[in-house]
Amino acid sequence: MAHHPDRRVKSVFMPPVNPFSHRVTAHVFVNPPAAARGDLIRNALFNYDPRRGQLVRLAASSLGNHMAIFRSVTDREYAVDHSPYPALEHAVTFRRHEDAPNRYHFHHFGYFTVSIWDFPYEHWCRERIRIAMGAVGNPAMVSPACLSGLDYSAVLVTARVARVQDVPDELHIKAIDGVATISRVALQHI
């Protein structure tokens, strides 16, 4: 596949999530491919363990044939650990969502604190400040002092970053209505 010269990769730093929300999911692979994959997957689980075959919901997925959503982490782990399941002339394999081939681990450089000057007043709340900092690193804490309503001079944020070089001199904060603000960023503490 040819690389388009204008195409770039951009890291997006997401806030923490409840691990239960994805630890109950698994990608499902049917090999060789089958026409009625949903029935084949449910039957394979049901034939191996009737209770667990009833406790799975299937959804469309961009990876594998389906995404299996189990009622508990234990049910998911059981299905993964005991796969592949024989199903007629097919094999049904479950792979943990977090073990997908498009996933990888990275390491943060460490914590850093920045001040953001000229942050737009209409976005001056913890949630939106964290969203803006997500362009730079994983925000860990927005200083309560800048959320008191008494000081709108700068936002002070502590975050984790992969490399200190990733901290920009400016953030261009763009709103959905087409209004943008150039906010200056100053590294305060590493």
Protein backbone atom coordinates (compact mmCIF):
# COMPACT_ATOMS: atom_id res chain seq x y z
CA MET A 1 0.00 0.00 0.00
CA ALA A 2 1.42 3.36 -1.02
CA HIS A 3 1.99 5.95 1.67
CA HIS A 4 0.10 9.19 1.04
CA PRO A 5 2.49 12.13 1.66
CA ASP A 6 -0.12 14.14 3.61
CA ARG A 7 -1.16 11.27 5.86
CA ARG A 8 0.21 11.48 9.39
CA VAL A 9 -0.05 9.56 12.61
CA LYS A 10 -1.27 11.44 15.68
CA SER A 11 -1.22 10.06 19.19
CA VAL A 12 -4.39 10.50 21.19
CA PHE A 13 -4.10 10.24 24.95
CA MET A 14 -7.26 8.93 26.55
CA PRO A 15 -8.43 9.24 30.16
CA PRO A 16 -8.53 6.15 32.38
CA VAL A 17 -11.47 3.78 31.90
CA ASN A 18 -13.17 1.14 33.97
CA PRO A 19 -11.27 -2.04 33.01
CA PHE A 20 -14.44 -4.13 33.30
CA SER A 21 -15.89 -2.43 30.22
CA HIS A 22 -13.48 -4.21 27.87
CA ARG A 23 -12.25 -7.15 29.94
CA VAL A 24 -15.49 -8.96 29.12
CA THR A 25 -14.90 -8.83 25.36
CA ALA A 26 -13.03 -11.08 22.96
CA HIS A 27 -12.52 -11.13 19.21
CA VAL A 28 -13.85 -14.30 17.61
CA PHE A 29 -12.17 -16.01 14.66
CA VAL A 30 -13.82 -18.82 12.68
CA ASN A 31 -11.43 -20.89 10.59
CA PRO A 32 -12.04 -21.80 7.82
CA PRO A 33 -14.64 -19.08 7.18
CA ALA A 34 -18.31 -20.06 7.54
CA ALA A 35 -21.55 -18.57 6.24
CA ALA A 36 -23.58 -18.56 9.49
CA ARG A 37 -20.77 -17.58 11.85
CA GLY A 38 -23.00 -16.36 14.70
CA ASP A 39 -24.81 -19.68 15.03
CA LEU A 40 -21.54 -21.57 14.64
CA ILE A 41 -19.89 -19.56 17.45
CA ARG A 42 -22.82 -19.97 19.86
CA ASN A 43 -23.12 -23.69 19.09
CA ALA A 44 -19.39 -24.24 19.64
CA LEU A 45 -19.57 -22.62 23.09
CA PHE A 46 -22.88 -24.27 23.96
CA ASN A 47 -21.63 -27.75 23.01
CA TYR A 48 -18.55 -27.27 25.18
CA ASP A 49 -20.38 -25.74 28.14
CA PRO A 50 -24.17 -25.13 27.79
CA ARG A 51 -24.25 -22.44 30.51
CA ARG A 52 -21.51 -20.36 28.92
CA GLY A 53 -22.99 -20.71 25.45
CA GLN A 54 -26.03 -18.78 26.68
CA LEU A 55 -24.02 -16.02 28.36
CA VAL A 56 -22.44 -14.46 25.29
CA ARG A 57 -23.67 -11.69 23.01
CA LEU A 58 -22.14 -11.21 19.55
CA ALA A 59 -21.55 -7.88 17.81
CA ALA A 60 -19.97 -6.78 14.56
CA SER A 61 -16.24 -6.15 14.77
CA SER A 62 -13.52 -4.78 12.51
CA LEU A 63 -11.20 -7.53 13.77
CA GLY A 64 -12.08 -11.20 13.48
CA ASN A 65 -15.54 -12.42 12.60
CA HIS A 66 -17.35 -11.00 15.65
CA MET A 67 -16.84 -9.38 19.01
CA ALA A 68 -18.04 -11.63 21.82
CA ILE A 69 -19.36 -9.81 24.88
CA PHE A 70 -19.54 -12.00 27.96
CA ARG A 71 -21.40 -11.36 31.21
CA SER A 72 -18.25 -11.60 33.30
CA VAL A 73 -14.47 -11.58 33.08
CA THR A 74 -14.51 -15.19 34.31
CA ASP A 75 -16.72 -16.29 31.40
CA ARG A 76 -14.49 -14.48 28.92
CA GLU A 77 -11.32 -16.00 30.38
CA TYR A 78 -12.88 -19.46 30.29
CA ALA A 79 -13.78 -19.09 26.60
CA VAL A 80 -10.29 -17.80 25.69
CA ASP A 81 -8.43 -20.40 27.74
CA HIS A 82 -10.39 -23.32 26.29
CA SER A 83 -10.36 -22.26 22.64
CA PRO A 84 -10.18 -23.26 19.87
CA TYR A 85 -13.57 -24.97 19.97
CA PRO A 86 -14.42 -27.56 17.32
CA ALA A 87 -17.58 -26.70 15.38
CA LEU A 88 -18.38 -29.09 12.54
CA GLU A 89 -15.41 -28.67 10.19
CA HIS A 90 -14.47 -25.28 11.70
CA ALA A 91 -12.46 -24.06 14.66
CA VAL A 92 -13.76 -21.16 16.76
CA THR A 93 -11.03 -19.19 18.54
CA PHE A 94 -11.47 -16.38 21.07
CA ARG A 95 -8.77 -13.74 21.56
CA ARG A 96 -8.82 -11.15 24.34
CA HIS A 97 -9.64 -7.64 23.12
CA GLU A 98 -6.51 -6.27 24.81
CA ASP A 99 -4.33 -8.85 22.99
CA ALA A 100 -5.42 -7.75 19.51
CA PRO A 101 -2.62 -7.29 16.95
CA ASN A 102 -3.32 -3.54 16.69
CA ARG A 103 -2.55 -3.02 20.40
CA TYR A 104 0.87 -2.24 21.86
CA HIS A 105 2.41 -0.96 25.08
CA PHE A 106 4.25 2.32 25.39
CA HIS A 107 6.07 3.95 28.27
CA HIS A 108 5.55 7.48 29.51
CA PHE A 109 8.64 9.62 30.04
CA GLY A 110 7.25 10.74 33.35
CA TYR A 111 5.05 13.37 34.93
CA PHE A 112 5.34 17.01 33.97
CA THR A 113 3.48 20.15 34.89
CA VAL A 114 2.59 22.83 32.37
CA SER A 115 0.85 26.14 32.54
CA ILE A 116 -1.41 27.04 29.64
CA TRP A 117 -1.85 30.77 29.16
CA ASP A 118 -4.76 32.31 27.24
CA PHE A 119 -6.90 29.21 27.66
CA PRO A 120 -10.40 29.99 26.29
CA TYR A 121 -12.79 30.96 29.06
CA GLU A 122 -15.73 29.03 27.54
CA HIS A 123 -13.77 25.79 27.96
CA TRP A 124 -12.48 26.55 31.45
CA CYS A 125 -13.62 23.43 33.29
CA ARG A 126 -11.82 20.26 34.39
CA GLU A 127 -13.31 18.04 31.66
CA ARG A 128 -12.44 20.37 28.75
CA ILE A 129 -8.99 21.20 30.10
CA ARG A 130 -8.28 17.45 30.25
CA ILE A 131 -9.51 17.08 26.65
CA ALA A 132 -7.15 19.86 25.50
CA MET A 133 -4.21 18.28 27.34
CA GLY A 134 -5.00 14.95 25.68
CA ALA A 135 -3.26 16.34 22.58
CA VAL A 136 0.00 16.38 24.56
CA GLY A 137 -0.14 13.58 27.14
CA ASN A 138 -2.31 11.79 29.68
CA PRO A 139 -3.62 14.46 32.06
CA ALA A 140 -3.35 13.32 35.67
CA MET A 141 -4.54 16.41 37.53
CA VAL A 142 -5.89 19.86 36.83
CA SER A 143 -4.86 22.19 39.65
CA PRO A 144 -7.86 23.05 41.84
CA ALA A 145 -6.47 26.57 42.20
CA CYS A 146 -7.26 27.37 38.57
CA LEU A 147 -10.80 26.01 38.92
CA SER A 148 -11.75 28.24 41.87
CA GLY A 149 -13.30 30.94 39.68
CA LEU A 150 -10.90 33.54 41.12
CA ASP A 151 -8.01 33.24 38.66
CA TYR A 152 -8.30 32.87 34.87
CA SER A 153 -4.69 33.77 34.05
CA ALA A 154 -3.43 30.23 33.38
CA VAL A 155 -4.41 26.60 33.62
CA LEU A 156 -1.99 24.41 35.56
CA VAL A 157 -2.02 20.73 34.57
CA THR A 158 0.08 17.75 35.62
CA ALA A 159 0.25 15.04 32.97
CA ARG A 160 2.26 12.07 31.78
CA VAL A 161 4.06 12.32 28.47
CA ALA A 162 5.99 9.84 26.32
CA ARG A 163 8.76 12.37 25.61
CA VAL A 164 9.38 15.83 27.01
CA GLN A 165 9.87 16.97 23.39
CA ASP A 166 6.15 16.29 22.86
CA VAL A 167 5.25 19.33 24.99
CA PRO A 168 4.45 22.07 22.44
CA ASP A 169 4.98 25.82 22.76
CA GLU A 170 1.36 26.42 21.74
CA LEU A 171 -1.97 24.64 21.70
CA HIS A 172 -4.45 25.64 19.02
CA ILE A 173 -7.75 24.96 20.74
CA LYS A 174 -10.49 24.66 18.12
CA ALA A 175 -14.20 24.67 18.94
CA ILE A 176 -16.95 23.09 16.88
CA ASP A 177 -18.34 26.55 16.00
CA GLY A 178 -15.14 27.42 14.11
CA VAL A 179 -13.64 29.67 16.78
CA ALA A 180 -10.04 28.83 17.70
CA THR A 181 -7.70 30.11 20.39
CA ILE A 182 -3.92 30.03 20.41
CA SER A 183 -2.86 29.18 23.95
CA ARG A 184 0.77 29.41 25.07
CA VAL A 185 2.24 26.40 26.89
CA ALA A 186 5.09 26.66 29.39
CA LEU A 187 6.80 23.66 30.97
CA GLN A 188 6.86 24.24 34.74
CA HIS A 189 8.22 21.03 36.25
CA ILE A 190 9.47 17.66 35.07
